Amino acid sequence: MDMYIDDLIALFLVFVVVLALGLRMAEEGVYSIMGLDTDPLTFDLKVLPGGQYDFCILGSRFSLKQTLKLGEFYADRRRVDIRIGGLNISVPTMFCVYNPANLPHLRIYLDKQNSRMYN
């Protein structure tokens, strides 16, 4: 009995796909005869740049956008925190850099502010 239900479901899906494609082709034909330059309303799928999909089914318009979240980023005056996949990376905004001439160390700030601002 299960095999007959699986065949019935497959036939129903094939019928729905053929019906939807037939309605789309008929609608495009009517629009071309009438001289209208519009998108079909029965079924229309557009792939837009930036991972966005725009599709229309029986007059209802839907839009899907793909976003990827790799981690979290937080910046403060004292430090920069980056979280990627459970790994926490914390970087201070002030680095001590030693020059090869053995001069006193120079302070370089990531936010391009002078050292008097922090004191």
C-alpha atoms as a PDB file:
ATOM      1  CA  MET A   1       0.000   0.000   0.000  1.00  0.00           C
ATOM      2  CA  ASP A   2       2.907   2.400   0.724  1.00  0.00           C
ATOM      3  CA  MET A   3       4.229   2.090  -2.818  1.00  0.00           C
ATOM      4  CA  TYR A   4       0.917   3.284  -4.268  1.00  0.00           C
ATOM      5  CA  ILE A   5       0.850   6.360  -2.008  1.00  0.00           C
ATOM      6  CA  ASP A   6       4.443   7.249  -2.979  1.00  0.00           C
ATOM      7  CA  ASP A   7       3.524   6.948  -6.678  1.00  0.00           C
ATOM      8  CA  LEU A   8       0.411   9.080  -6.122  1.00  0.00           C
ATOM      9  CA  ILE A   9       2.457  11.798  -4.403  1.00  0.00           C
ATOM     10  CA  ALA A  10       5.041  11.750  -7.222  1.00  0.00           C
ATOM     11  CA  LEU A  11       2.293  12.046  -9.867  1.00  0.00           C
ATOM     12  CA  PHE A  12       0.694  14.923  -7.964  1.00  0.00           C
ATOM     13  CA  LEU A  13       4.024  16.797  -7.775  1.00  0.00           C
ATOM     14  CA  VAL A  14       4.651  16.285 -11.491  1.00  0.00           C
ATOM     15  CA  PHE A  15       1.128  17.551 -12.239  1.00  0.00           C
ATOM     16  CA  VAL A  16       1.634  20.677 -10.100  1.00  0.00           C
ATOM     17  CA  VAL A  17       4.979  21.485 -11.750  1.00  0.00           C
ATOM     18  CA  VAL A  18       3.571  21.045 -15.264  1.00  0.00           C
ATOM     19  CA  LEU A  19       0.532  23.149 -14.344  1.00  0.00           C
ATOM     20  CA  ALA A  20       2.682  25.968 -12.939  1.00  0.00           C
ATOM     21  CA  LEU A  21       4.967  26.005 -15.995  1.00  0.00           C
ATOM     22  CA  GLY A  22       1.982  25.935 -18.338  1.00  0.00           C
ATOM     23  CA  LEU A  23       0.330  28.866 -16.555  1.00  0.00           C
ATOM     24  CA  ARG A  24       3.596  30.820 -16.700  1.00  0.00           C
ATOM     25  CA  MET A  25       4.031  30.219 -20.440  1.00  0.00           C
ATOM     26  CA  ALA A  26       0.385  31.119 -21.084  1.00  0.00           C
ATOM     27  CA  GLU A  27       0.736  34.328 -19.084  1.00  0.00           C
ATOM     28  CA  GLU A  28       3.931  35.293 -20.932  1.00  0.00           C
ATOM     29  CA  GLY A  29       2.146  34.644 -24.242  1.00  0.00           C
ATOM     30  CA  VAL A  30      -0.809  36.836 -23.282  1.00  0.00           C
ATOM     31  CA  TYR A  31       1.514  39.622 -22.113  1.00  0.00           C
ATOM     32  CA  SER A  32       3.501  39.476 -25.364  1.00  0.00           C
ATOM     33  CA  ILE A  33       0.303  39.587 -27.480  1.00  0.00           C
ATOM     34  CA  MET A  34      -0.976  42.555 -25.481  1.00  0.00           C
ATOM     35  CA  GLY A  35       2.406  44.274 -25.762  1.00  0.00           C
ATOM     36  CA  LEU A  36       2.983  44.520 -22.006  1.00  0.00           C
ATOM     37  CA  ASP A  37       6.510  44.418 -20.664  1.00  0.00           C
ATOM     38  CA  THR A  38       5.831  43.112 -17.148  1.00  0.00           C
ATOM     39  CA  ASP A  39       6.963  40.119 -15.156  1.00  0.00           C
ATOM     40  CA  PRO A  40       4.572  37.153 -14.874  1.00  0.00           C
ATOM     41  CA  LEU A  41       2.605  36.938 -11.637  1.00  0.00           C
ATOM     42  CA  THR A  42       2.023  33.176 -11.531  1.00  0.00           C
ATOM     43  CA  PHE A  43       5.651  32.219 -10.945  1.00  0.00           C
ATOM     44  CA  ASP A  44       8.769  34.333 -11.379  1.00  0.00           C
ATOM     45  CA  LEU A  45      12.238  33.866  -9.894  1.00  0.00           C
ATOM     46  CA  LYS A  46      15.047  36.417 -10.044  1.00  0.00           C
ATOM     47  CA  VAL A  47      18.562  35.996  -8.689  1.00  0.00           C
ATOM     48  CA  LEU A  48      19.861  39.425  -7.699  1.00  0.00           C
ATOM     49  CA  PRO A  49      23.458  40.307  -6.832  1.00  0.00           C
ATOM     50  CA  GLY A  50      24.520  40.124  -3.208  1.00  0.00           C
ATOM     51  CA  GLY A  51      22.938  36.758  -2.456  1.00  0.00           C
ATOM     52  CA  GLN A  52      19.350  37.985  -2.758  1.00  0.00           C
ATOM     53  CA  TYR A  53      16.520  35.999  -4.349  1.00  0.00           C
ATOM     54  CA  ASP A  54      13.251  37.607  -5.391  1.00  0.00           C
ATOM     55  CA  PHE A  55      10.344  35.375  -6.385  1.00  0.00           C
ATOM     56  CA  CYS A  56       6.651  35.772  -7.018  1.00  0.00           C
ATOM     57  CA  ILE A  57       4.066  33.006  -6.596  1.00  0.00           C
ATOM     58  CA  LEU A  58       0.453  33.673  -7.632  1.00  0.00           C
ATOM     59  CA  GLY A  59       0.794  37.432  -7.137  1.00  0.00           C
ATOM     60  CA  SER A  60       2.548  37.289  -3.762  1.00  0.00           C
ATOM     61  CA  ARG A  61       6.095  38.626  -3.887  1.00  0.00           C
ATOM     62  CA  PHE A  62       8.745  37.157  -1.573  1.00  0.00           C
ATOM     63  CA  SER A  63      12.366  38.083  -1.092  1.00  0.00           C
ATOM     64  CA  LEU A  64      15.146  36.022   0.488  1.00  0.00           C
ATOM     65  CA  LYS A  65      18.524  37.402   1.423  1.00  0.00           C
ATOM     66  CA  GLN A  66      21.540  35.353   2.394  1.00  0.00           C
ATOM     67  CA  THR A  67      23.605  36.714   5.252  1.00  0.00           C
ATOM     68  CA  LEU A  68      26.634  35.094   6.790  1.00  0.00           C
ATOM     69  CA  LYS A  69      27.647  35.845  10.361  1.00  0.00           C
ATOM     70  CA  LEU A  70      31.234  34.911  11.001  1.00  0.00           C
ATOM     71  CA  GLY A  71      31.695  36.491  14.393  1.00  0.00           C
ATOM     72  CA  GLU A  72      31.261  39.534  16.583  1.00  0.00           C
ATOM     73  CA  PHE A  73      33.363  42.684  16.604  1.00  0.00           C
ATOM     74  CA  TYR A  74      33.520  45.235  19.421  1.00  0.00           C
ATOM     75  CA  ALA A  75      35.876  48.223  19.578  1.00  0.00           C
ATOM     76  CA  ASP A  76      36.519  50.383  22.605  1.00  0.00           C
ATOM     77  CA  ARG A  77      39.090  53.027  23.561  1.00  0.00           C
ATOM     78  CA  ARG A  78      41.045  50.418  25.502  1.00  0.00           C
ATOM     79  CA  ARG A  79      40.796  47.303  23.360  1.00  0.00           C
ATOM     80  CA  VAL A  80      39.305  45.579  20.339  1.00  0.00           C
ATOM     81  CA  ASP A  81      37.422  42.303  20.899  1.00  0.00           C
ATOM     82  CA  ILE A  82      36.809  39.822  18.086  1.00  0.00           C
ATOM     83  CA  ARG A  83      34.848  36.580  18.560  1.00  0.00           C
ATOM     84  CA  ILE A  84      34.999  34.017  15.777  1.00  0.00           C
ATOM     85  CA  GLY A  85      33.574  30.536  16.321  1.00  0.00           C
ATOM     86  CA  GLY A  86      34.037  30.515  20.090  1.00  0.00           C
ATOM     87  CA  LEU A  87      37.573  31.922  19.862  1.00  0.00           C
ATOM     88  CA  ASN A  88      37.974  35.243  21.655  1.00  0.00           C
ATOM     89  CA  ILE A  89      40.698  37.571  20.392  1.00  0.00           C
ATOM     90  CA  SER A  90      41.400  40.725  22.368  1.00  0.00           C
ATOM     91  CA  VAL A  91      43.837  43.317  21.045  1.00  0.00           C
ATOM     92  CA  PRO A  92      44.804  46.447  22.995  1.00  0.00           C
ATOM     93  CA  THR A  93      44.489  49.703  21.083  1.00  0.00           C
ATOM     94  CA  MET A  94      47.986  50.785  22.092  1.00  0.00           C
ATOM     95  CA  PHE A  95      51.093  48.889  20.946  1.00  0.00           C
ATOM     96  CA  CYS A  96      54.680  49.383  22.042  1.00  0.00           C
ATOM     97  CA  VAL A  97      57.030  49.348  19.065  1.00  0.00           C
ATOM     98  CA  TYR A  98      60.811  49.254  19.450  1.00  0.00           C
ATOM     99  CA  ASN A  99      62.919  50.759  16.700  1.00  0.00           C
ATOM    100  CA  PRO A 100      66.251  49.198  15.706  1.00  0.00           C
ATOM    101  CA  ALA A 101      68.317  52.199  16.876  1.00  0.00           C
ATOM    102  CA  ASN A 102      67.588  51.375  20.586  1.00  0.00           C
ATOM    103  CA  LEU A 103      65.712  54.633  21.091  1.00  0.00           C
ATOM    104  CA  PRO A 104      62.969  54.739  23.715  1.00  0.00           C
ATOM    105  CA  HIS A 105      59.880  52.894  22.606  1.00  0.00           C
ATOM    106  CA  LEU A 106      57.299  54.647  20.516  1.00  0.00           C
ATOM    107  CA  ARG A 107      53.602  54.296  21.171  1.00  0.00           C
ATOM    108  CA  ILE A 108      51.327  53.721  18.212  1.00  0.00           C
ATOM    109  CA  TYR A 109      47.569  53.974  18.616  1.00  0.00           C
ATOM    110  CA  LEU A 110      45.122  52.106  16.422  1.00  0.00           C
ATOM    111  CA  ASP A 111      42.657  54.986  16.428  1.00  0.00           C
ATOM    112  CA  LYS A 112      45.317  57.521  15.380  1.00  0.00           C
ATOM    113  CA  GLN A 113      45.009  59.656  18.527  1.00  0.00           C
ATOM    114  CA  ASN A 114      47.950  61.109  20.408  1.00  0.00           C
ATOM    115  CA  SER A 115      49.100  59.703  23.754  1.00  0.00           C
ATOM    116  CA  ARG A 116      48.051  62.805  25.742  1.00  0.00           C
ATOM    117  CA  MET A 117      44.422  61.993  25.069  1.00  0.00           C
ATOM    118  CA  TYR A 118      44.641  58.822  27.167  1.00  0.00           C
ATOM    119  CA  ASN A 119      46.480  60.411  30.144  1.00  0.00           C
END
